[in-house]
N, C-alpha and C. Protein backbone atom coordinates (compact mmCIF):
# COMPACT_ATOMS: atom_id res chain seq x y z
N UNK A 1 108.78 94.63 120.28
CA UNK A 1 109.42 95.21 119.12
C UNK A 1 110.92 95.08 119.30
N UNK A 2 111.55 94.63 118.26
CA UNK A 2 113.00 94.47 118.27
C UNK A 2 113.50 94.53 116.84
N UNK A 3 114.74 94.92 116.66
CA UNK A 3 115.34 94.98 115.34
C UNK A 3 116.39 93.89 115.16
N UNK A 4 116.45 93.39 113.94
CA UNK A 4 117.57 92.57 113.49
C UNK A 4 118.25 93.42 112.43
N UNK A 5 119.52 93.73 112.64
CA UNK A 5 120.23 94.61 111.71
C UNK A 5 121.41 93.87 111.09
N UNK A 6 122.04 94.52 110.15
CA UNK A 6 123.22 93.95 109.51
C UNK A 6 122.90 92.89 108.48
N UNK A 7 121.67 92.87 107.99
CA UNK A 7 121.30 91.90 106.96
C UNK A 7 121.88 92.34 105.62
N UNK A 8 122.19 91.38 104.78
CA UNK A 8 122.71 91.68 103.46
C UNK A 8 121.53 92.05 102.56
N UNK A 9 121.56 93.26 101.98
CA UNK A 9 120.44 93.65 101.11
C UNK A 9 120.30 92.66 99.95
N UNK A 10 119.08 92.18 99.75
CA UNK A 10 118.87 91.21 98.70
C UNK A 10 117.70 91.53 97.80
N UNK A 11 117.09 92.68 98.00
CA UNK A 11 115.94 93.05 97.17
C UNK A 11 116.22 94.38 96.50
N UNK A 12 115.37 94.74 95.58
CA UNK A 12 115.57 96.02 94.88
C UNK A 12 115.40 97.21 95.82
N UNK A 13 114.69 97.02 96.96
CA UNK A 13 114.53 98.10 97.93
C UNK A 13 115.73 98.23 98.86
N UNK A 14 116.66 97.27 98.79
CA UNK A 14 117.88 97.26 99.61
C UNK A 14 117.60 97.30 101.11
N UNK A 15 116.60 96.53 101.57
CA UNK A 15 116.36 96.43 103.00
C UNK A 15 117.57 95.79 103.66
N UNK A 16 118.02 96.36 104.78
CA UNK A 16 119.17 95.81 105.49
C UNK A 16 118.86 95.53 106.95
N UNK A 17 117.59 95.65 107.33
CA UNK A 17 117.16 95.39 108.70
C UNK A 17 115.75 94.82 108.69
N UNK A 18 115.34 94.36 109.86
CA UNK A 18 114.02 93.79 109.98
C UNK A 18 113.46 94.17 111.36
N UNK A 19 112.26 94.71 111.39
CA UNK A 19 111.58 95.01 112.65
C UNK A 19 110.74 93.80 113.01
N UNK A 20 111.02 93.21 114.16
CA UNK A 20 110.32 92.01 114.62
C UNK A 20 109.26 92.42 115.64
N UNK A 21 108.04 91.99 115.41
CA UNK A 21 106.94 92.26 116.34
C UNK A 21 106.27 90.94 116.65
N UNK A 22 106.14 90.61 117.94
CA UNK A 22 105.55 89.34 118.36
C UNK A 22 104.32 89.63 119.21
N UNK A 23 103.22 88.97 118.87
CA UNK A 23 102.00 89.06 119.67
C UNK A 23 102.15 88.11 120.86
N UNK A 24 102.08 88.65 122.07
CA UNK A 24 102.28 87.82 123.27
C UNK A 24 101.22 86.75 123.43
N UNK A 25 100.01 87.01 122.99
CA UNK A 25 98.92 86.05 123.18
C UNK A 25 99.02 84.89 122.19
N UNK A 26 99.07 85.20 120.92
CA UNK A 26 99.07 84.15 119.89
C UNK A 26 100.46 83.65 119.54
N UNK A 27 101.49 84.39 119.95
CA UNK A 27 102.89 84.09 119.62
C UNK A 27 103.17 84.24 118.13
N UNK A 28 102.29 84.94 117.42
CA UNK A 28 102.52 85.21 116.00
C UNK A 28 103.60 86.28 115.87
N UNK A 29 104.58 86.02 115.01
CA UNK A 29 105.67 86.95 114.78
C UNK A 29 105.48 87.60 113.42
N UNK A 30 105.66 88.91 113.38
CA UNK A 30 105.66 89.64 112.11
C UNK A 30 107.06 90.17 111.92
N UNK A 31 107.61 89.94 110.77
CA UNK A 31 108.94 90.42 110.41
C UNK A 31 108.76 91.44 109.30
N UNK A 32 109.03 92.71 109.60
CA UNK A 32 108.80 93.79 108.66
C UNK A 32 110.14 94.30 108.13
N UNK A 33 110.42 94.12 106.84
CA UNK A 33 111.68 94.61 106.29
C UNK A 33 111.75 96.13 106.37
N UNK A 34 112.93 96.63 106.71
CA UNK A 34 113.12 98.07 106.83
C UNK A 34 114.59 98.39 106.58
N UNK A 35 114.95 99.63 106.81
CA UNK A 35 116.32 100.09 106.63
C UNK A 35 116.89 100.50 107.98
N UNK A 36 118.15 100.23 108.18
CA UNK A 36 118.81 100.59 109.44
C UNK A 36 118.74 102.10 109.67
N UNK A 37 118.71 102.86 108.59
CA UNK A 37 118.70 104.32 108.67
C UNK A 37 117.31 104.91 108.89
N UNK A 38 116.27 104.08 108.97
CA UNK A 38 114.91 104.58 109.16
C UNK A 38 114.78 105.40 110.43
N UNK A 39 114.00 106.45 110.36
CA UNK A 39 113.78 107.34 111.51
C UNK A 39 112.64 106.79 112.37
N UNK A 40 112.40 107.47 113.48
CA UNK A 40 111.28 107.10 114.34
C UNK A 40 109.96 107.26 113.59
N UNK A 41 109.85 108.28 112.75
CA UNK A 41 108.64 108.47 111.95
C UNK A 41 108.47 107.34 110.94
N UNK A 42 109.56 106.92 110.30
CA UNK A 42 109.48 105.78 109.37
C UNK A 42 109.00 104.53 110.09
N UNK A 43 109.51 104.31 111.29
CA UNK A 43 109.11 103.14 112.08
C UNK A 43 107.66 103.24 112.52
N UNK A 44 107.24 104.44 112.92
CA UNK A 44 105.84 104.64 113.30
C UNK A 44 104.91 104.35 112.13
N UNK A 45 105.29 104.79 110.93
CA UNK A 45 104.47 104.52 109.74
C UNK A 45 104.48 103.03 109.41
N UNK A 46 105.62 102.37 109.55
CA UNK A 46 105.71 100.93 109.32
C UNK A 46 104.80 100.19 110.29
N UNK A 47 104.83 100.59 111.56
CA UNK A 47 103.98 100.00 112.60
C UNK A 47 102.50 100.24 112.27
N UNK A 48 102.16 101.46 111.88
CA UNK A 48 100.78 101.80 111.54
C UNK A 48 100.29 100.98 110.35
N UNK A 49 101.07 100.96 109.28
CA UNK A 49 100.65 100.31 108.04
C UNK A 49 100.58 98.79 108.13
N UNK A 50 101.38 98.19 109.01
CA UNK A 50 101.45 96.74 109.05
C UNK A 50 100.84 96.09 110.28
N UNK A 51 100.77 96.80 111.39
CA UNK A 51 100.26 96.20 112.62
C UNK A 51 98.89 96.77 112.97
N UNK A 52 98.82 98.07 113.13
CA UNK A 52 97.56 98.70 113.52
C UNK A 52 96.47 98.44 112.49
N UNK A 53 96.81 98.54 111.21
CA UNK A 53 95.80 98.33 110.17
C UNK A 53 95.31 96.89 110.13
N UNK A 54 96.12 95.94 110.58
CA UNK A 54 95.73 94.53 110.57
C UNK A 54 95.10 94.06 111.87
N UNK A 55 95.63 94.55 113.01
CA UNK A 55 95.23 94.01 114.31
C UNK A 55 94.56 95.01 115.24
N UNK A 56 94.64 96.29 114.92
CA UNK A 56 94.13 97.31 115.83
C UNK A 56 95.23 97.77 116.78
N UNK A 57 94.89 98.68 117.66
CA UNK A 57 95.86 99.25 118.59
C UNK A 57 96.12 98.26 119.72
N UNK A 58 97.38 97.90 119.96
CA UNK A 58 97.68 96.96 121.05
C UNK A 58 97.47 97.62 122.41
N UNK A 59 97.12 96.81 123.39
CA UNK A 59 96.95 97.32 124.75
C UNK A 59 98.29 97.52 125.43
N UNK A 60 99.26 96.67 125.12
CA UNK A 60 100.58 96.74 125.73
C UNK A 60 101.63 96.56 124.64
N UNK A 61 102.68 97.38 124.70
CA UNK A 61 103.84 97.20 123.83
C UNK A 61 105.05 97.09 124.73
N UNK A 62 105.80 96.01 124.56
CA UNK A 62 107.01 95.80 125.35
C UNK A 62 108.20 96.00 124.42
N UNK A 63 109.13 96.83 124.85
CA UNK A 63 110.29 97.11 124.03
C UNK A 63 111.45 97.51 124.92
N UNK A 64 112.65 97.14 124.50
CA UNK A 64 113.84 97.57 125.23
C UNK A 64 114.65 98.56 124.39
N UNK A 65 113.95 99.32 123.55
CA UNK A 65 114.60 100.30 122.71
C UNK A 65 115.15 101.46 123.54
N UNK A 66 116.04 102.19 122.94
CA UNK A 66 116.62 103.39 123.50
C UNK A 66 115.50 104.36 123.91
N UNK A 67 115.56 104.94 125.12
CA UNK A 67 114.50 105.86 125.58
C UNK A 67 114.27 107.05 124.64
N UNK A 68 115.34 107.60 124.05
CA UNK A 68 115.17 108.72 123.13
C UNK A 68 114.37 108.28 121.91
N UNK A 69 114.69 107.09 121.39
CA UNK A 69 113.94 106.59 120.24
C UNK A 69 112.49 106.34 120.61
N UNK A 70 112.25 105.76 121.79
CA UNK A 70 110.87 105.50 122.22
C UNK A 70 110.07 106.79 122.27
N UNK A 71 110.68 107.85 122.80
CA UNK A 71 109.99 109.14 122.86
C UNK A 71 109.65 109.63 121.46
N UNK A 72 110.64 109.59 120.56
CA UNK A 72 110.41 110.05 119.19
C UNK A 72 109.38 109.18 118.48
N UNK A 73 109.44 107.86 118.70
CA UNK A 73 108.49 106.94 118.08
C UNK A 73 107.07 107.28 118.53
N UNK A 74 106.86 107.40 119.85
CA UNK A 74 105.51 107.66 120.35
C UNK A 74 105.01 109.04 119.98
N UNK A 75 105.90 110.02 119.90
CA UNK A 75 105.51 111.35 119.47
C UNK A 75 105.02 111.31 118.02
N UNK A 76 105.78 110.64 117.17
CA UNK A 76 105.39 110.53 115.76
C UNK A 76 104.13 109.68 115.60
N UNK A 77 104.02 108.61 116.36
CA UNK A 77 102.85 107.75 116.28
C UNK A 77 101.60 108.52 116.73
N UNK A 78 101.74 109.34 117.75
CA UNK A 78 100.64 110.18 118.22
C UNK A 78 100.21 111.16 117.14
N UNK A 79 101.18 111.71 116.41
CA UNK A 79 100.86 112.62 115.31
C UNK A 79 100.05 111.90 114.23
N UNK A 80 100.43 110.66 113.93
CA UNK A 80 99.72 109.88 112.92
C UNK A 80 98.27 109.65 113.36
N UNK A 81 98.09 109.34 114.65
CA UNK A 81 96.74 109.11 115.18
C UNK A 81 95.94 110.39 115.31
N UNK A 82 96.65 111.53 115.37
CA UNK A 82 95.97 112.81 115.53
C UNK A 82 95.52 113.07 116.95
N UNK A 83 96.21 112.47 117.92
CA UNK A 83 95.84 112.73 119.31
C UNK A 83 97.01 113.36 120.06
N UNK A 84 96.75 113.76 121.29
CA UNK A 84 97.77 114.38 122.13
C UNK A 84 98.42 113.31 122.98
N UNK A 85 99.72 113.34 123.05
CA UNK A 85 100.48 112.38 123.83
C UNK A 85 100.89 113.01 125.15
N UNK A 86 100.62 112.33 126.24
CA UNK A 86 101.01 112.82 127.56
C UNK A 86 101.75 111.70 128.28
N UNK A 87 102.98 111.98 128.68
CA UNK A 87 103.77 111.00 129.41
C UNK A 87 103.57 111.21 130.90
N UNK A 88 103.46 110.12 131.64
CA UNK A 88 103.37 110.24 133.09
C UNK A 88 104.77 110.26 133.66
N UNK A 89 104.90 110.78 134.87
CA UNK A 89 106.21 110.81 135.52
C UNK A 89 106.34 109.70 136.53
N UNK A 90 105.31 108.93 136.72
CA UNK A 90 105.33 107.85 137.71
C UNK A 90 105.90 106.59 137.11
């Protein structure tokens, strides 16, 4: 997962960013239009609606996002799934 930001809005939704998701096995890239101001919950919903619904839950997610954002993303994503999230300390 990675973002491309600073795009010139060109649609009626005024998307100015793109969330890039690449499948390591097939090398298929998904480019999901979004807004730079989107929250972790917005991103979790974008991920759910476009990736999980099409491919299922991935076994591994690699990201170099900010740790605070990762925490908020996974907390919100866990809420969407309706399960309890437990982080390991190891």
